[in-house]
């Protein structure tokens, strides 16, 4: 089981905050540093300095780290045109020496679209756009000659399909969500990894099952399965309560739903997802100033999963 640190910078974090967490992630032996791709704070509270752009910050972190994987969970298809997105991700892959992964989704937070002047079409169209973006981005990365594409929402004519990523055949694609129809189909067609976030064991198992069935129907042998959950660890109840309060959460509530509790409790909970076939866990860390939290997870959870 690989543990990955997953951050939510839109809640109020600077690039320097992210750099400190990413470098701790690498030093402590975690597999990867991921961030959300949002432009506005989600929910009430102080937005702090405001959000940062996901791919700009990942480019900076690519030059300040050397081992950990880097990526988004997930980039909305509404935010960027597919041609420029392919260029950005390929550029960061080059800057990192081939350590980038692209999580791509439909987008869901209508408020941030309104705040930043980004069109937010209905969900059916967002899925259509996502499918076309996946076809274009993967097509550009694999093309050996000028690339053209004729879709409903995007058209490319004789693109040079450059620059190319370092990774071969391309950076891994992550698709997430628990949808019952289009999500499994898209995951089977395009994804190297399928992620289910913030769902219980039973619901996660059902979602994994749908994607496995879609992969079987598409003639695919395997796909990496992963989960993402809020993490809040404490060596004892007092430390746990302090960490929960720092992120505005009730420890009892998140203990019953997330990866919350003592390190041993968290190890046991991760084990339940491992039994479903999950190979990676994204630990959603909300207090980016508490590097001692990462130290505890690295010492008491990471060696036992």
C-alpha atoms as a PDB file:
ATOM      1  CA  UNK A   1       0.000   0.000   0.000  1.00  0.00           C
ATOM      2  CA  UNK A   2       1.350   3.420  -0.968  1.00  0.00           C
ATOM      3  CA  UNK A   3       0.412   6.476   1.071  1.00  0.00           C
ATOM      4  CA  UNK A   4       0.125   9.825  -0.669  1.00  0.00           C
ATOM      5  CA  UNK A   5      -0.293  13.251   0.918  1.00  0.00           C
ATOM      6  CA  UNK A   6      -3.242  15.190  -0.506  1.00  0.00           C
ATOM      7  CA  UNK A   7      -3.685  18.920   0.203  1.00  0.00           C
ATOM      8  CA  UNK A   8      -6.460  21.489  -0.260  1.00  0.00           C
ATOM      9  CA  UNK A   9      -4.623  24.807  -0.815  1.00  0.00           C
ATOM     10  CA  UNK A  10      -7.791  26.716  -1.729  1.00  0.00           C
ATOM     11  CA  UNK A  11      -8.668  26.676   1.967  1.00  0.00           C
ATOM     12  CA  UNK A  12      -5.882  29.206   2.566  1.00  0.00           C
ATOM     13  CA  UNK A  13      -2.283  28.288   1.778  1.00  0.00           C
ATOM     14  CA  UNK A  14       0.683  29.949   0.126  1.00  0.00           C
ATOM     15  CA  UNK A  15       3.190  28.330  -2.184  1.00  0.00           C
ATOM     16  CA  UNK A  16       5.666  28.315   0.716  1.00  0.00           C
ATOM     17  CA  UNK A  17       3.156  26.332   2.800  1.00  0.00           C
ATOM     18  CA  UNK A  18       2.872  23.772   0.014  1.00  0.00           C
ATOM     19  CA  UNK A  19       6.627  23.624  -0.429  1.00  0.00           C
ATOM     20  CA  UNK A  20       7.146  22.819   3.251  1.00  0.00           C
ATOM     21  CA  UNK A  21       4.582  20.007   3.113  1.00  0.00           C
ATOM     22  CA  UNK A  22       5.920  18.618  -0.172  1.00  0.00           C
ATOM     23  CA  UNK A  23       9.479  18.537   1.100  1.00  0.00           C
ATOM     24  CA  UNK A  24       8.333  16.871   4.332  1.00  0.00           C
ATOM     25  CA  UNK A  25       6.375  14.377   2.229  1.00  0.00           C
ATOM     26  CA  UNK A  26       9.563  13.465   0.404  1.00  0.00           C
ATOM     27  CA  UNK A  27      11.802  13.421   3.474  1.00  0.00           C
ATOM     28  CA  UNK A  28       9.438  11.207   5.463  1.00  0.00           C
ATOM     29  CA  UNK A  29       9.061   8.523   2.789  1.00  0.00           C
ATOM     30  CA  UNK A  30       5.550   9.064   1.466  1.00  0.00           C
ATOM     31  CA  UNK A  31       4.948   8.129  -2.158  1.00  0.00           C
ATOM     32  CA  UNK A  32       3.490  11.356  -3.539  1.00  0.00           C
ATOM     33  CA  UNK A  33       2.303  14.902  -2.962  1.00  0.00           C
ATOM     34  CA  UNK A  34      -1.019  15.815  -4.556  1.00  0.00           C
ATOM     35  CA  UNK A  35      -3.136  18.927  -4.428  1.00  0.00           C
ATOM     36  CA  UNK A  36      -6.682  19.828  -5.332  1.00  0.00           C
ATOM     37  CA  UNK A  37      -7.317  22.110  -8.291  1.00  0.00           C
ATOM     38  CA  UNK A  38      -9.649  24.834  -7.038  1.00  0.00           C
ATOM     39  CA  UNK A  39      -9.657  28.621  -7.280  1.00  0.00           C
ATOM     40  CA  UNK A  40     -11.990  29.386  -4.348  1.00  0.00           C
ATOM     41  CA  UNK A  41     -12.335  28.319  -0.754  1.00  0.00           C
ATOM     42  CA  UNK A  42     -14.948  25.625  -0.207  1.00  0.00           C
ATOM     43  CA  UNK A  43     -17.257  26.477   2.673  1.00  0.00           C
ATOM     44  CA  UNK A  44     -17.223  29.318   5.172  1.00  0.00           C
ATOM     45  CA  UNK A  45     -14.047  30.642   6.718  1.00  0.00           C
ATOM     46  CA  UNK A  46     -11.052  32.838   6.141  1.00  0.00           C
ATOM     47  CA  UNK A  47      -9.672  32.320   2.608  1.00  0.00           C
ATOM     48  CA  UNK A  48      -6.280  33.490   3.820  1.00  0.00           C
ATOM     49  CA  UNK A  49      -4.071  34.547   0.931  1.00  0.00           C
ATOM     50  CA  UNK A  50      -6.442  32.986  -1.593  1.00  0.00           C
ATOM     51  CA  UNK A  51      -5.858  29.962  -3.763  1.00  0.00           C
ATOM     52  CA  UNK A  52      -2.937  29.181  -6.024  1.00  0.00           C
ATOM     53  CA  UNK A  53      -2.919  27.700  -9.509  1.00  0.00           C
ATOM     54  CA  UNK A  54      -2.406  23.942  -9.353  1.00  0.00           C
ATOM     55  CA  UNK A  55      -0.085  23.505 -12.301  1.00  0.00           C
ATOM     56  CA  UNK A  56       1.991  26.596 -11.561  1.00  0.00           C
ATOM     57  CA  UNK A  57       2.642  25.380  -8.012  1.00  0.00           C
ATOM     58  CA  UNK A  58       3.373  21.831  -9.175  1.00  0.00           C
ATOM     59  CA  UNK A  59       5.918  23.241 -11.618  1.00  0.00           C
ATOM     60  CA  UNK A  60       7.678  24.962  -8.734  1.00  0.00           C
ATOM     61  CA  UNK A  61       7.540  21.847  -6.561  1.00  0.00           C
ATOM     62  CA  UNK A  62       8.925  19.783  -9.443  1.00  0.00           C
ATOM     63  CA  UNK A  63      12.182  21.725  -9.135  1.00  0.00           C
ATOM     64  CA  UNK A  64      12.256  21.573  -5.320  1.00  0.00           C
ATOM     65  CA  UNK A  65      11.758  17.803  -4.949  1.00  0.00           C
ATOM     66  CA  UNK A  66      13.493  14.821  -6.483  1.00  0.00           C
ATOM     67  CA  UNK A  67      11.599  11.596  -5.706  1.00  0.00           C
ATOM     68  CA  UNK A  68       7.917  11.976  -4.899  1.00  0.00           C
ATOM     69  CA  UNK A  69       5.184  11.764  -7.495  1.00  0.00           C
ATOM     70  CA  UNK A  70       3.253  15.006  -8.090  1.00  0.00           C
ATOM     71  CA  UNK A  71      -0.287  15.523  -9.334  1.00  0.00           C
ATOM     72  CA  UNK A  72      -3.834  16.821  -9.063  1.00  0.00           C
ATOM     73  CA  UNK A  73      -6.878  15.208  -7.533  1.00  0.00           C
ATOM     74  CA  UNK A  74      -8.453  16.411  -9.715  1.00  0.00           C
ATOM     75  CA  UNK A  75      -8.148  19.082 -12.413  1.00  0.00           C
ATOM     76  CA  UNK A  76     -11.592  20.150 -13.699  1.00  0.00           C
ATOM     77  CA  UNK A  77     -12.067  19.896 -17.453  1.00  0.00           C
ATOM     78  CA  UNK A  78     -13.886  23.240 -17.239  1.00  0.00           C
ATOM     79  CA  UNK A  79     -10.766  25.154 -16.162  1.00  0.00           C
ATOM     80  CA  UNK A  80      -8.451  24.707 -19.134  1.00  0.00           C
ATOM     81  CA  UNK A  81      -8.561  23.991 -22.838  1.00  0.00           C
ATOM     82  CA  UNK A  82      -7.212  20.519 -23.617  1.00  0.00           C
ATOM     83  CA  UNK A  83      -4.344  21.589 -25.884  1.00  0.00           C
ATOM     84  CA  UNK A  84      -2.802  24.028 -23.386  1.00  0.00           C
ATOM     85  CA  UNK A  85      -3.466  21.562 -20.554  1.00  0.00           C
ATOM     86  CA  UNK A  86      -1.465  18.890 -22.391  1.00  0.00           C
ATOM     87  CA  UNK A  87       1.384  21.375 -22.790  1.00  0.00           C
ATOM     88  CA  UNK A  88       1.321  22.389 -19.112  1.00  0.00           C
ATOM     89  CA  UNK A  89       1.337  18.830 -17.803  1.00  0.00           C
ATOM     90  CA  UNK A  90       4.044  17.743 -20.264  1.00  0.00           C
ATOM     91  CA  UNK A  91       6.142  20.721 -19.190  1.00  0.00           C
ATOM     92  CA  UNK A  92       5.831  19.868 -15.501  1.00  0.00           C
ATOM     93  CA  UNK A  93       6.630  16.242 -16.316  1.00  0.00           C
ATOM     94  CA  UNK A  94       9.850  17.409 -17.963  1.00  0.00           C
ATOM     95  CA  UNK A  95      10.658  19.728 -15.046  1.00  0.00           C
ATOM     96  CA  UNK A  96      10.188  16.866 -12.564  1.00  0.00           C
ATOM     97  CA  UNK A  97      12.103  14.254 -14.513  1.00  0.00           C
ATOM     98  CA  UNK A  98       8.973  12.231 -15.198  1.00  0.00           C
ATOM     99  CA  UNK A  99       7.063  12.283 -11.879  1.00  0.00           C
ATOM    100  CA  UNK A 100       3.713  13.824 -12.838  1.00  0.00           C
ATOM    101  CA  UNK A 101       0.223  12.301 -12.763  1.00  0.00           C
ATOM    102  CA  UNK A 102      -2.914  13.971 -14.093  1.00  0.00           C
ATOM    103  CA  UNK A 103      -6.214  13.592 -12.308  1.00  0.00           C
ATOM    104  CA  UNK A 104      -8.955  14.909 -14.600  1.00  0.00           C
ATOM    105  CA  UNK A 105     -12.648  15.310 -13.824  1.00  0.00           C
ATOM    106  CA  UNK A 106     -15.805  17.170 -14.792  1.00  0.00           C
ATOM    107  CA  UNK A 107     -15.625  19.926 -12.172  1.00  0.00           C
ATOM    108  CA  UNK A 108     -18.403  20.361  -9.630  1.00  0.00           C
ATOM    109  CA  UNK A 109     -18.057  23.612  -7.664  1.00  0.00           C
ATOM    110  CA  UNK A 110     -20.274  26.074  -9.510  1.00  0.00           C
ATOM    111  CA  UNK A 111     -19.475  28.914  -7.094  1.00  0.00           C
ATOM    112  CA  UNK A 112     -15.820  29.150  -8.066  1.00  0.00           C
ATOM    113  CA  UNK A 113     -16.767  29.161 -11.743  1.00  0.00           C
ATOM    114  CA  UNK A 114     -19.087  32.127 -11.186  1.00  0.00           C
ATOM    115  CA  UNK A 115     -16.459  33.960  -9.138  1.00  0.00           C
ATOM    116  CA  UNK A 116     -13.773  33.596 -11.802  1.00  0.00           C
ATOM    117  CA  UNK A 117     -15.810  33.912 -14.984  1.00  0.00           C
ATOM    118  CA  UNK A 118     -15.454  30.253 -15.973  1.00  0.00           C
ATOM    119  CA  UNK A 119     -18.411  28.730 -17.852  1.00  0.00           C
ATOM    120  CA  UNK A 120     -20.148  25.950 -15.938  1.00  0.00           C
ATOM    121  CA  UNK A 121     -22.331  23.895 -18.270  1.00  0.00           C
ATOM    122  CA  UNK A 122     -24.792  21.214 -17.135  1.00  0.00           C
ATOM    123  CA  UNK A 123     -23.380  17.938 -15.883  1.00  0.00           C
ATOM    124  CA  UNK A 124     -24.070  16.022 -19.101  1.00  0.00           C
ATOM    125  CA  UNK A 125     -22.093  18.520 -21.148  1.00  0.00           C
ATOM    126  CA  UNK A 126     -19.309  18.519 -18.572  1.00  0.00           C
ATOM    127  CA  UNK A 127     -18.976  14.754 -19.007  1.00  0.00           C
ATOM    128  CA  UNK A 128     -18.959  15.201 -22.788  1.00  0.00           C
ATOM    129  CA  UNK A 129     -16.192  17.789 -22.486  1.00  0.00           C
ATOM    130  CA  UNK A 130     -14.240  15.556 -20.118  1.00  0.00           C
ATOM    131  CA  UNK A 131     -14.386  12.680 -22.581  1.00  0.00           C
ATOM    132  CA  UNK A 132     -13.154  14.886 -25.422  1.00  0.00           C
ATOM    133  CA  UNK A 133     -10.392  16.326 -23.258  1.00  0.00           C
ATOM    134  CA  UNK A 134      -9.201  12.835 -22.366  1.00  0.00           C
ATOM    135  CA  UNK A 135      -9.145  11.892 -26.051  1.00  0.00           C
ATOM    136  CA  UNK A 136      -7.227  15.047 -26.956  1.00  0.00           C
ATOM    137  CA  UNK A 137      -4.684  15.097 -24.127  1.00  0.00           C
ATOM    138  CA  UNK A 138      -3.772  11.425 -24.516  1.00  0.00           C
ATOM    139  CA  UNK A 139      -3.824  11.788 -28.290  1.00  0.00           C
ATOM    140  CA  UNK A 140      -1.447  14.745 -28.247  1.00  0.00           C
ATOM    141  CA  UNK A 141       0.999  12.961 -25.966  1.00  0.00           C
ATOM    142  CA  UNK A 142       1.085   9.812 -28.093  1.00  0.00           C
ATOM    143  CA  UNK A 143       0.956  11.388 -31.575  1.00  0.00           C
ATOM    144  CA  UNK A 144       3.952  10.816 -33.839  1.00  0.00           C
ATOM    145  CA  UNK A 145       2.702  13.229 -36.499  1.00  0.00           C
ATOM    146  CA  UNK A 146       0.545  16.370 -36.528  1.00  0.00           C
ATOM    147  CA  UNK A 147      -2.606  15.746 -34.535  1.00  0.00           C
ATOM    148  CA  UNK A 148      -6.111  16.727 -35.585  1.00  0.00           C
ATOM    149  CA  UNK A 149      -9.370  16.205 -33.764  1.00  0.00           C
ATOM    150  CA  UNK A 150     -12.980  16.972 -34.594  1.00  0.00           C
ATOM    151  CA  UNK A 151     -15.322  16.876 -31.625  1.00  0.00           C
ATOM    152  CA  UNK A 152     -18.501  18.579 -30.523  1.00  0.00           C
ATOM    153  CA  UNK A 153     -16.750  20.973 -28.157  1.00  0.00           C
ATOM    154  CA  UNK A 154     -13.106  21.018 -29.309  1.00  0.00           C
ATOM    155  CA  UNK A 155     -11.415  21.042 -32.697  1.00  0.00           C
ATOM    156  CA  UNK A 156      -7.685  20.770 -33.328  1.00  0.00           C
ATOM    157  CA  UNK A 157      -6.113  21.173 -36.760  1.00  0.00           C
ATOM    158  CA  UNK A 158      -2.584  19.900 -37.440  1.00  0.00           C
ATOM    159  CA  UNK A 159      -1.328  20.410 -33.900  1.00  0.00           C
ATOM    160  CA  UNK A 160       2.431  19.776 -33.646  1.00  0.00           C
ATOM    161  CA  UNK A 161       1.610  17.712 -30.526  1.00  0.00           C
ATOM    162  CA  UNK A 162       4.551  19.171 -28.633  1.00  0.00           C
ATOM    163  CA  UNK A 163       6.069  19.194 -26.078  1.00  0.00           C
ATOM    164  CA  UNK A 164       6.119  15.538 -25.139  1.00  0.00           C
ATOM    165  CA  UNK A 165       6.150  14.278 -21.560  1.00  0.00           C
ATOM    166  CA  UNK A 166       9.176  12.426 -20.222  1.00  0.00           C
ATOM    167  CA  UNK A 167       7.156   9.393 -19.134  1.00  0.00           C
ATOM    168  CA  UNK A 168       6.429   6.694 -21.665  1.00  0.00           C
ATOM    169  CA  UNK A 169       3.896   6.094 -22.997  1.00  0.00           C
ATOM    170  CA  UNK A 170       2.535   9.103 -21.049  1.00  0.00           C
ATOM    171  CA  UNK A 171       1.923  10.418 -17.540  1.00  0.00           C
ATOM    172  CA  UNK A 172      -0.619   8.309 -15.644  1.00  0.00           C
ATOM    173  CA  UNK A 173      -4.246   9.450 -15.845  1.00  0.00           C
ATOM    174  CA  UNK A 174      -6.441   9.311 -12.731  1.00  0.00           C
ATOM    175  CA  UNK A 175     -10.236   9.350 -12.934  1.00  0.00           C
ATOM    176  CA  UNK A 176     -12.349   9.480  -9.795  1.00  0.00           C
ATOM    177  CA  UNK A 177     -15.931   9.479  -8.641  1.00  0.00           C
ATOM    178  CA  UNK A 178     -18.610   6.976  -7.727  1.00  0.00           C
ATOM    179  CA  UNK A 179     -20.881   7.446 -10.738  1.00  0.00           C
ATOM    180  CA  UNK A 180     -22.583   4.325 -11.997  1.00  0.00           C
ATOM    181  CA  UNK A 181     -22.575   4.835 -15.769  1.00  0.00           C
ATOM    182  CA  UNK A 182     -20.161   7.217 -17.469  1.00  0.00           C
ATOM    183  CA  UNK A 183     -17.438   7.218 -14.838  1.00  0.00           C
ATOM    184  CA  UNK A 184     -16.704   3.461 -15.064  1.00  0.00           C
ATOM    185  CA  UNK A 185     -16.694   3.644 -18.855  1.00  0.00           C
ATOM    186  CA  UNK A 186     -14.273   6.581 -18.955  1.00  0.00           C
ATOM    187  CA  UNK A 187     -12.031   4.952 -16.353  1.00  0.00           C
ATOM    188  CA  UNK A 188     -11.870   1.747 -18.374  1.00  0.00           C
ATOM    189  CA  UNK A 189     -11.031   3.643 -21.574  1.00  0.00           C
ATOM    190  CA  UNK A 190      -8.546   6.188 -20.324  1.00  0.00           C
ATOM    191  CA  UNK A 191      -7.454   5.815 -16.712  1.00  0.00           C
ATOM    192  CA  UNK A 192      -4.385   4.181 -15.264  1.00  0.00           C
ATOM    193  CA  UNK A 193      -5.899   4.672 -11.804  1.00  0.00           C
ATOM    194  CA  UNK A 194      -9.440   4.877 -10.482  1.00  0.00           C
ATOM    195  CA  UNK A 195     -10.044   6.770  -7.229  1.00  0.00           C
ATOM    196  CA  UNK A 196     -13.008   6.817  -4.865  1.00  0.00           C
ATOM    197  CA  UNK A 197     -12.954   9.709  -2.413  1.00  0.00           C
ATOM    198  CA  UNK A 198     -14.656  10.078   0.967  1.00  0.00           C
ATOM    199  CA  UNK A 199     -16.907   7.028   0.666  1.00  0.00           C
ATOM    200  CA  UNK A 200     -17.409   4.173   3.089  1.00  0.00           C
ATOM    201  CA  UNK A 201     -16.110   0.654   2.610  1.00  0.00           C
ATOM    202  CA  UNK A 202     -19.341  -0.738   1.134  1.00  0.00           C
ATOM    203  CA  UNK A 203     -19.856   2.111  -1.321  1.00  0.00           C
ATOM    204  CA  UNK A 204     -16.190   2.038  -2.309  1.00  0.00           C
ATOM    205  CA  UNK A 205     -16.362  -1.694  -2.945  1.00  0.00           C
ATOM    206  CA  UNK A 206     -19.405  -1.275  -5.167  1.00  0.00           C
ATOM    207  CA  UNK A 207     -17.684   1.473  -7.171  1.00  0.00           C
ATOM    208  CA  UNK A 208     -14.549  -0.633  -7.562  1.00  0.00           C
ATOM    209  CA  UNK A 209     -16.723  -3.482  -8.785  1.00  0.00           C
ATOM    210  CA  UNK A 210     -18.353  -1.356 -11.481  1.00  0.00           C
ATOM    211  CA  UNK A 211     -14.983  -0.215 -12.790  1.00  0.00           C
ATOM    212  CA  UNK A 212     -13.599  -3.743 -12.797  1.00  0.00           C
ATOM    213  CA  UNK A 213     -16.634  -4.862 -14.823  1.00  0.00           C
ATOM    214  CA  UNK A 214     -16.100  -1.990 -17.266  1.00  0.00           C
ATOM    215  CA  UNK A 215     -12.429  -2.946 -17.607  1.00  0.00           C
ATOM    216  CA  UNK A 216     -13.376  -6.564 -18.268  1.00  0.00           C
ATOM    217  CA  UNK A 217     -15.828  -5.449 -20.942  1.00  0.00           C
ATOM    218  CA  UNK A 218     -13.115  -3.287 -22.538  1.00  0.00           C
ATOM    219  CA  UNK A 219     -10.609  -6.150 -22.523  1.00  0.00           C
ATOM    220  CA  UNK A 220      -8.354  -4.586 -19.901  1.00  0.00           C
ATOM    221  CA  UNK A 221      -6.496  -6.796 -17.460  1.00  0.00           C
ATOM    222  CA  UNK A 222      -6.096  -4.357 -14.602  1.00  0.00           C
ATOM    223  CA  UNK A 223      -6.376  -0.814 -13.260  1.00  0.00           C
ATOM    224  CA  UNK A 224      -4.869   0.695 -10.124  1.00  0.00           C
ATOM    225  CA  UNK A 225      -7.532   1.280  -7.447  1.00  0.00           C
ATOM    226  CA  UNK A 226      -7.201   3.990  -4.805  1.00  0.00           C
ATOM    227  CA  UNK A 227      -9.129   5.890  -2.147  1.00  0.00           C
ATOM    228  CA  UNK A 228      -8.898   9.361  -0.633  1.00  0.00           C
ATOM    229  CA  UNK A 229      -9.900  10.215   2.936  1.00  0.00           C
ATOM    230  CA  UNK A 230      -9.451  12.927   5.507  1.00  0.00           C
ATOM    231  CA  UNK A 231      -6.704  11.950   7.938  1.00  0.00           C
ATOM    232  CA  UNK A 232      -6.492  13.123  11.520  1.00  0.00           C
ATOM    233  CA  UNK A 233      -4.189  11.169  13.818  1.00  0.00           C
ATOM    234  CA  UNK A 234      -3.378  11.510  17.484  1.00  0.00           C
ATOM    235  CA  UNK A 235      -1.207   9.464  19.791  1.00  0.00           C
ATOM    236  CA  UNK A 236      -3.973   9.857  22.380  1.00  0.00           C
ATOM    237  CA  UNK A 237      -7.446  11.367  22.654  1.00  0.00           C
ATOM    238  CA  UNK A 238      -6.135  14.777  23.729  1.00  0.00           C
ATOM    239  CA  UNK A 239      -3.836  15.091  20.731  1.00  0.00           C
ATOM    240  CA  UNK A 240      -6.581  13.872  18.426  1.00  0.00           C
ATOM    241  CA  UNK A 241      -9.032  16.433  19.818  1.00  0.00           C
ATOM    242  CA  UNK A 242      -6.485  19.212  19.347  1.00  0.00           C
ATOM    243  CA  UNK A 243      -5.869  18.285  15.720  1.00  0.00           C
ATOM    244  CA  UNK A 244      -9.574  17.948  14.983  1.00  0.00           C
ATOM    245  CA  UNK A 245     -10.275  21.363  16.513  1.00  0.00           C
ATOM    246  CA  UNK A 246      -7.539  22.918  14.387  1.00  0.00           C
ATOM    247  CA  UNK A 247      -9.416  21.907  11.234  1.00  0.00           C
ATOM    248  CA  UNK A 248     -12.866  22.730  12.613  1.00  0.00           C
ATOM    249  CA  UNK A 249     -14.009  19.145  12.969  1.00  0.00           C
ATOM    250  CA  UNK A 250     -15.698  17.117  15.687  1.00  0.00           C
ATOM    251  CA  UNK A 251     -13.345  14.215  16.484  1.00  0.00           C
ATOM    252  CA  UNK A 252     -16.196  11.771  17.108  1.00  0.00           C
ATOM    253  CA  UNK A 253     -17.808  12.559  13.763  1.00  0.00           C
ATOM    254  CA  UNK A 254     -14.667  12.186  11.670  1.00  0.00           C
ATOM    255  CA  UNK A 255     -13.545   9.147  13.666  1.00  0.00           C
ATOM    256  CA  UNK A 256     -16.560   7.300  12.343  1.00  0.00           C
ATOM    257  CA  UNK A 257     -16.100   8.327   8.708  1.00  0.00           C
ATOM    258  CA  UNK A 258     -12.513   9.256   7.873  1.00  0.00           C
ATOM    259  CA  UNK A 259      -9.056   7.914   8.646  1.00  0.00           C
ATOM    260  CA  UNK A 260      -9.194   9.375  12.126  1.00  0.00           C
ATOM    261  CA  UNK A 261      -8.008   8.015  15.438  1.00  0.00           C
ATOM    262  CA  UNK A 262      -4.838   6.578  16.845  1.00  0.00           C
ATOM    263  CA  UNK A 263      -2.214   5.368  14.367  1.00  0.00           C
ATOM    264  CA  UNK A 264      -3.317   1.770  14.958  1.00  0.00           C
ATOM    265  CA  UNK A 265      -6.944   2.668  14.243  1.00  0.00           C
ATOM    266  CA  UNK A 266      -5.866   4.288  10.991  1.00  0.00           C
ATOM    267  CA  UNK A 267      -3.782   1.248  10.020  1.00  0.00           C
ATOM    268  CA  UNK A 268      -6.807  -0.981  10.633  1.00  0.00           C
ATOM    269  CA  UNK A 269      -9.096   1.263   8.578  1.00  0.00           C
ATOM    270  CA  UNK A 270      -6.632   1.350   5.678  1.00  0.00           C
ATOM    271  CA  UNK A 271      -6.552  -2.440   5.843  1.00  0.00           C
ATOM    272  CA  UNK A 272     -10.273  -2.595   5.093  1.00  0.00           C
ATOM    273  CA  UNK A 273      -9.749  -0.680   1.859  1.00  0.00           C
ATOM    274  CA  UNK A 274      -6.748  -2.839   1.013  1.00  0.00           C
ATOM    275  CA  UNK A 275      -9.030  -5.878   1.232  1.00  0.00           C
ATOM    276  CA  UNK A 276     -11.142  -4.296  -1.536  1.00  0.00           C
ATOM    277  CA  UNK A 277      -8.077  -4.036  -3.786  1.00  0.00           C
ATOM    278  CA  UNK A 278      -6.984  -0.461  -3.067  1.00  0.00           C
ATOM    279  CA  UNK A 279      -3.272  -0.017  -3.703  1.00  0.00           C
ATOM    280  CA  UNK A 280      -2.960   3.673  -2.806  1.00  0.00           C
ATOM    281  CA  UNK A 281      -4.453   5.898  -0.133  1.00  0.00           C
ATOM    282  CA  UNK A 282      -4.535   9.677  -0.469  1.00  0.00           C
ATOM    283  CA  UNK A 283      -4.344  11.169   3.024  1.00  0.00           C
ATOM    284  CA  UNK A 284      -6.194  14.483   2.935  1.00  0.00           C
ATOM    285  CA  UNK A 285      -4.193  16.765   5.233  1.00  0.00           C
ATOM    286  CA  UNK A 286      -6.002  20.005   6.017  1.00  0.00           C
ATOM    287  CA  UNK A 287      -3.689  21.671   8.560  1.00  0.00           C
ATOM    288  CA  UNK A 288      -0.640  22.369   6.424  1.00  0.00           C
ATOM    289  CA  UNK A 289       1.212  24.017   9.290  1.00  0.00           C
ATOM    290  CA  UNK A 290       1.222  20.868  11.441  1.00  0.00           C
ATOM    291  CA  UNK A 291       4.256  19.006  10.125  1.00  0.00           C
ATOM    292  CA  UNK A 292       4.367  16.984  13.354  1.00  0.00           C
ATOM    293  CA  UNK A 293       1.180  15.320  12.073  1.00  0.00           C
ATOM    294  CA  UNK A 294       3.090  14.055   9.042  1.00  0.00           C
ATOM    295  CA  UNK A 295       5.912  12.898  11.321  1.00  0.00           C
ATOM    296  CA  UNK A 296       3.441  10.814  13.347  1.00  0.00           C
ATOM    297  CA  UNK A 297       1.860   9.278  10.250  1.00  0.00           C
ATOM    298  CA  UNK A 298       5.285   8.457   8.798  1.00  0.00           C
ATOM    299  CA  UNK A 299       6.506   6.841  12.007  1.00  0.00           C
ATOM    300  CA  UNK A 300       3.384   4.980  13.140  1.00  0.00           C
ATOM    301  CA  UNK A 301       1.228   4.341  10.044  1.00  0.00           C
ATOM    302  CA  UNK A 302       3.445   4.231   6.946  1.00  0.00           C
ATOM    303  CA  UNK A 303       5.583   1.241   8.053  1.00  0.00           C
ATOM    304  CA  UNK A 304       2.517  -0.883   8.836  1.00  0.00           C
ATOM    305  CA  UNK A 305       0.456  -0.678   5.639  1.00  0.00           C
END
